[in-house]
């Protein structure tokens, strides 16, 4: 796993990271921003992620060999 502070490229991963941080804020976590522009937890989490204040673990990319790709394709 790789620790990153930049927003993930995948929209799904972006939503997962923001929702996890929003849940932390809802449960009483303190914002990492001094004066957030919004009061909603999801917006604060989104702002924190865009400013690079959140650290999250991104899975390593899966490297597939040609043989594995062909087997997977043949099974479809």
Protein backbone atom coordinates (compact mmCIF):
# COMPACT_ATOMS: atom_id res chain seq x y z
CA UNK A 1 0.00 0.00 0.00
CA UNK A 2 1.10 3.51 -0.78
CA UNK A 3 0.35 6.47 1.51
CA UNK A 4 -0.84 9.48 -0.46
CA UNK A 5 -1.99 13.01 0.28
CA UNK A 6 -3.10 13.90 -3.25
CA UNK A 7 -6.74 13.28 -4.23
CA UNK A 8 -7.20 9.87 -5.85
CA UNK A 9 -7.71 9.74 -9.60
CA UNK A 10 -10.62 7.34 -9.30
CA UNK A 11 -13.95 9.01 -8.51
CA UNK A 12 -14.97 5.96 -6.47
CA UNK A 13 -11.84 6.16 -4.32
CA UNK A 14 -12.35 9.92 -3.94
CA UNK A 15 -15.88 9.38 -2.59
CA UNK A 16 -14.70 6.63 -0.23
CA UNK A 17 -11.93 8.80 1.25
CA UNK A 18 -14.20 11.83 1.66
CA UNK A 19 -17.01 9.79 3.22
CA UNK A 20 -14.67 8.14 5.73
CA UNK A 21 -13.31 11.54 6.78
CA UNK A 22 -16.83 13.02 6.96
CA UNK A 23 -17.83 10.20 9.29
CA UNK A 24 -14.85 11.00 11.52
CA UNK A 25 -15.97 14.62 11.64
CA UNK A 26 -19.57 13.62 12.47
CA UNK A 27 -18.30 11.54 15.37
CA UNK A 28 -16.48 14.52 16.86
CA UNK A 29 -13.21 14.76 14.94
CA UNK A 30 -11.71 18.22 14.63
CA UNK A 31 -11.35 19.78 11.17
CA UNK A 32 -7.78 20.09 9.90
CA UNK A 33 -8.66 23.48 8.40
CA UNK A 34 -8.77 26.55 10.63
CA UNK A 35 -11.67 28.29 8.87
CA UNK A 36 -13.54 25.86 6.61
CA UNK A 37 -15.66 27.53 3.91
CA UNK A 38 -18.58 25.16 4.53
CA UNK A 39 -20.20 23.75 7.64
CA UNK A 40 -21.27 20.43 6.16
CA UNK A 41 -19.02 17.53 7.11
CA UNK A 42 -18.71 16.23 3.56
CA UNK A 43 -17.67 19.64 2.23
CA UNK A 44 -15.09 20.09 4.99
CA UNK A 45 -13.68 16.63 4.26
CA UNK A 46 -13.56 17.43 0.55
CA UNK A 47 -11.74 20.69 1.21
CA UNK A 48 -9.21 18.92 3.46
CA UNK A 49 -8.53 16.33 0.76
CA UNK A 50 -8.08 18.93 -1.98
CA UNK A 51 -5.60 20.87 0.17
CA UNK A 52 -3.56 17.69 0.74
CA UNK A 53 -4.17 17.58 4.49
CA UNK A 54 -5.51 14.00 4.55
CA UNK A 55 -3.32 10.93 4.33
CA UNK A 56 -4.83 7.72 3.04
CA UNK A 57 -3.57 4.38 1.81
CA UNK A 58 -4.01 3.60 -1.86
CA UNK A 59 -3.69 -0.03 -2.96
CA UNK A 60 -0.81 -0.95 -5.24
CA UNK A 61 -1.86 -1.27 -8.88
CA UNK A 62 -2.47 -4.82 -10.06
CA UNK A 63 -0.03 -5.89 -12.74
CA UNK A 64 -1.43 -8.56 -15.01
CA UNK A 65 0.69 -10.70 -17.31
CA UNK A 66 -0.34 -11.38 -20.88
CA UNK A 67 -1.13 -15.00 -20.04
CA UNK A 68 -3.43 -13.99 -17.17
CA UNK A 69 -5.17 -11.40 -19.34
CA UNK A 70 -5.76 -13.96 -22.10
CA UNK A 71 -7.16 -16.52 -19.63
CA UNK A 72 -9.51 -13.93 -18.18
CA UNK A 73 -10.60 -12.84 -21.64
CA UNK A 74 -11.20 -16.46 -22.74
CA UNK A 75 -13.36 -17.15 -19.69
CA UNK A 76 -15.75 -14.33 -20.62
